[in-house]
C-alpha atoms as a PDB file:
ATOM      1  CA  MET A   1       0.068   6.408  -3.846  1.00  0.00           C
ATOM      2  CA  LYS A   2      -2.563   8.269  -5.868  1.00  0.00           C
ATOM      3  CA  GLU A   3      -2.530   5.517  -8.502  1.00  0.00           C
ATOM      4  CA  LEU A   4      -2.963   2.822  -5.857  1.00  0.00           C
ATOM      5  CA  ARG A   5      -5.796   4.731  -4.172  1.00  0.00           C
ATOM      6  CA  ALA A   6      -7.540   5.137  -7.548  1.00  0.00           C
ATOM      7  CA  ALA A   7      -7.101   1.457  -8.458  1.00  0.00           C
ATOM      8  CA  LEU A   8      -8.447   0.362  -5.095  1.00  0.00           C
ATOM      9  CA  ALA A   9     -11.408   2.722  -5.427  1.00  0.00           C
ATOM     10  CA  LYS A  10     -12.163   1.271  -8.859  1.00  0.00           C
ATOM     11  CA  ALA A  11     -12.362  -2.148  -7.175  1.00  0.00           C
ATOM     12  CA  GLY A  12     -14.634  -0.718  -4.468  1.00  0.00           C
ATOM     13  CA  ILE A  13     -11.913  -0.819  -1.812  1.00  0.00           C
ATOM     14  CA  SER A  14     -10.908   1.994   0.533  1.00  0.00           C
ATOM     15  CA  LEU A  15      -7.866   2.016   2.821  1.00  0.00           C
ATOM     16  CA  PRO A  16      -8.340   5.046   5.101  1.00  0.00           C
ATOM     17  CA  SER A  17      -4.805   4.745   6.502  1.00  0.00           C
ATOM     18  CA  LEU A  18      -3.106   4.746   3.089  1.00  0.00           C
ATOM     19  CA  GLY A  19      -0.281   7.279   3.125  1.00  0.00           C
ATOM     20  CA  MET A  20       3.429   7.966   2.882  1.00  0.00           C
ATOM     21  CA  ASP A  21       5.687   6.502   5.570  1.00  0.00           C
ATOM     22  CA  PRO A  22       7.368   9.589   7.052  1.00  0.00           C
ATOM     23  CA  VAL A  23      10.351   7.623   8.404  1.00  0.00           C
ATOM     24  CA  SER A  24      11.289   6.440   4.908  1.00  0.00           C
ATOM     25  CA  LEU A  25      11.343  10.065   3.742  1.00  0.00           C
ATOM     26  CA  ALA A  26      13.572  11.228   6.620  1.00  0.00           C
ATOM     27  CA  ARG A  27      16.589   9.156   5.602  1.00  0.00           C
ATOM     28  CA  GLU A  28      19.720  10.814   4.253  1.00  0.00           C
ATOM     29  CA  ALA A  29      18.957   9.132   0.924  1.00  0.00           C
ATOM     30  CA  PRO A  30      15.128   9.056   0.884  1.00  0.00           C
ATOM     31  CA  CYS A  31      13.542   5.770  -0.091  1.00  0.00           C
ATOM     32  CA  PRO A  32       9.795   6.532  -0.049  1.00  0.00           C
ATOM     33  CA  LEU A  33       7.555   3.738   1.180  1.00  0.00           C
ATOM     34  CA  ILE A  34       3.775   3.651   1.096  1.00  0.00           C
ATOM     35  CA  GLU A  35       2.062   2.709   4.342  1.00  0.00           C
ATOM     36  CA  LEU A  36      -1.027   0.623   3.613  1.00  0.00           C
ATOM     37  CA  GLY A  37      -2.248   0.679   7.195  1.00  0.00           C
ATOM     38  CA  ARG A  38      -4.739  -1.609   8.864  1.00  0.00           C
ATOM     39  CA  CYS A  39      -7.989  -2.832   7.370  1.00  0.00           C
ATOM     40  CA  SER A  40     -10.949  -4.981   8.285  1.00  0.00           C
ATOM     41  CA  VAL A  41     -11.124  -8.683   7.479  1.00  0.00           C
ATOM     42  CA  GLU A  42     -13.729  -7.928   4.814  1.00  0.00           C
ATOM     43  CA  THR A  43     -11.472  -5.363   3.154  1.00  0.00           C
ATOM     44  CA  ALA A  44      -8.573  -7.840   3.219  1.00  0.00           C
ATOM     45  CA  ARG A  45     -10.793 -10.397   1.490  1.00  0.00           C
ATOM     46  CA  ARG A  46     -11.774  -7.855  -1.166  1.00  0.00           C
ATOM     47  CA  ILE A  47      -8.129  -7.002  -1.782  1.00  0.00           C
ATOM     48  CA  ALA A  48      -7.249 -10.706  -2.087  1.00  0.00           C
ATOM     49  CA  ALA A  49     -10.090 -11.256  -4.547  1.00  0.00           C
ATOM     50  CA  ALA A  50      -8.999  -8.249  -6.637  1.00  0.00           C
ATOM     51  CA  VAL A  51      -5.390  -9.443  -6.737  1.00  0.00           C
ATOM     52  CA  MET A  52      -6.420 -12.988  -7.714  1.00  0.00           C
ATOM     53  CA  ARG A  53      -8.270 -11.786 -10.814  1.00  0.00           C
END
């Protein structure tokens, strides 16, 4: 999660809701998932542009 947050910041992108999904950690055999959360249309466009590079 820290690596993703840093990479996004380097691209000028911030996802305020970025965090660990607590349900995925509560399983008998934890399988951690990262919750990306919601973002604005502009942020989604910036993410798409960064991924397309």
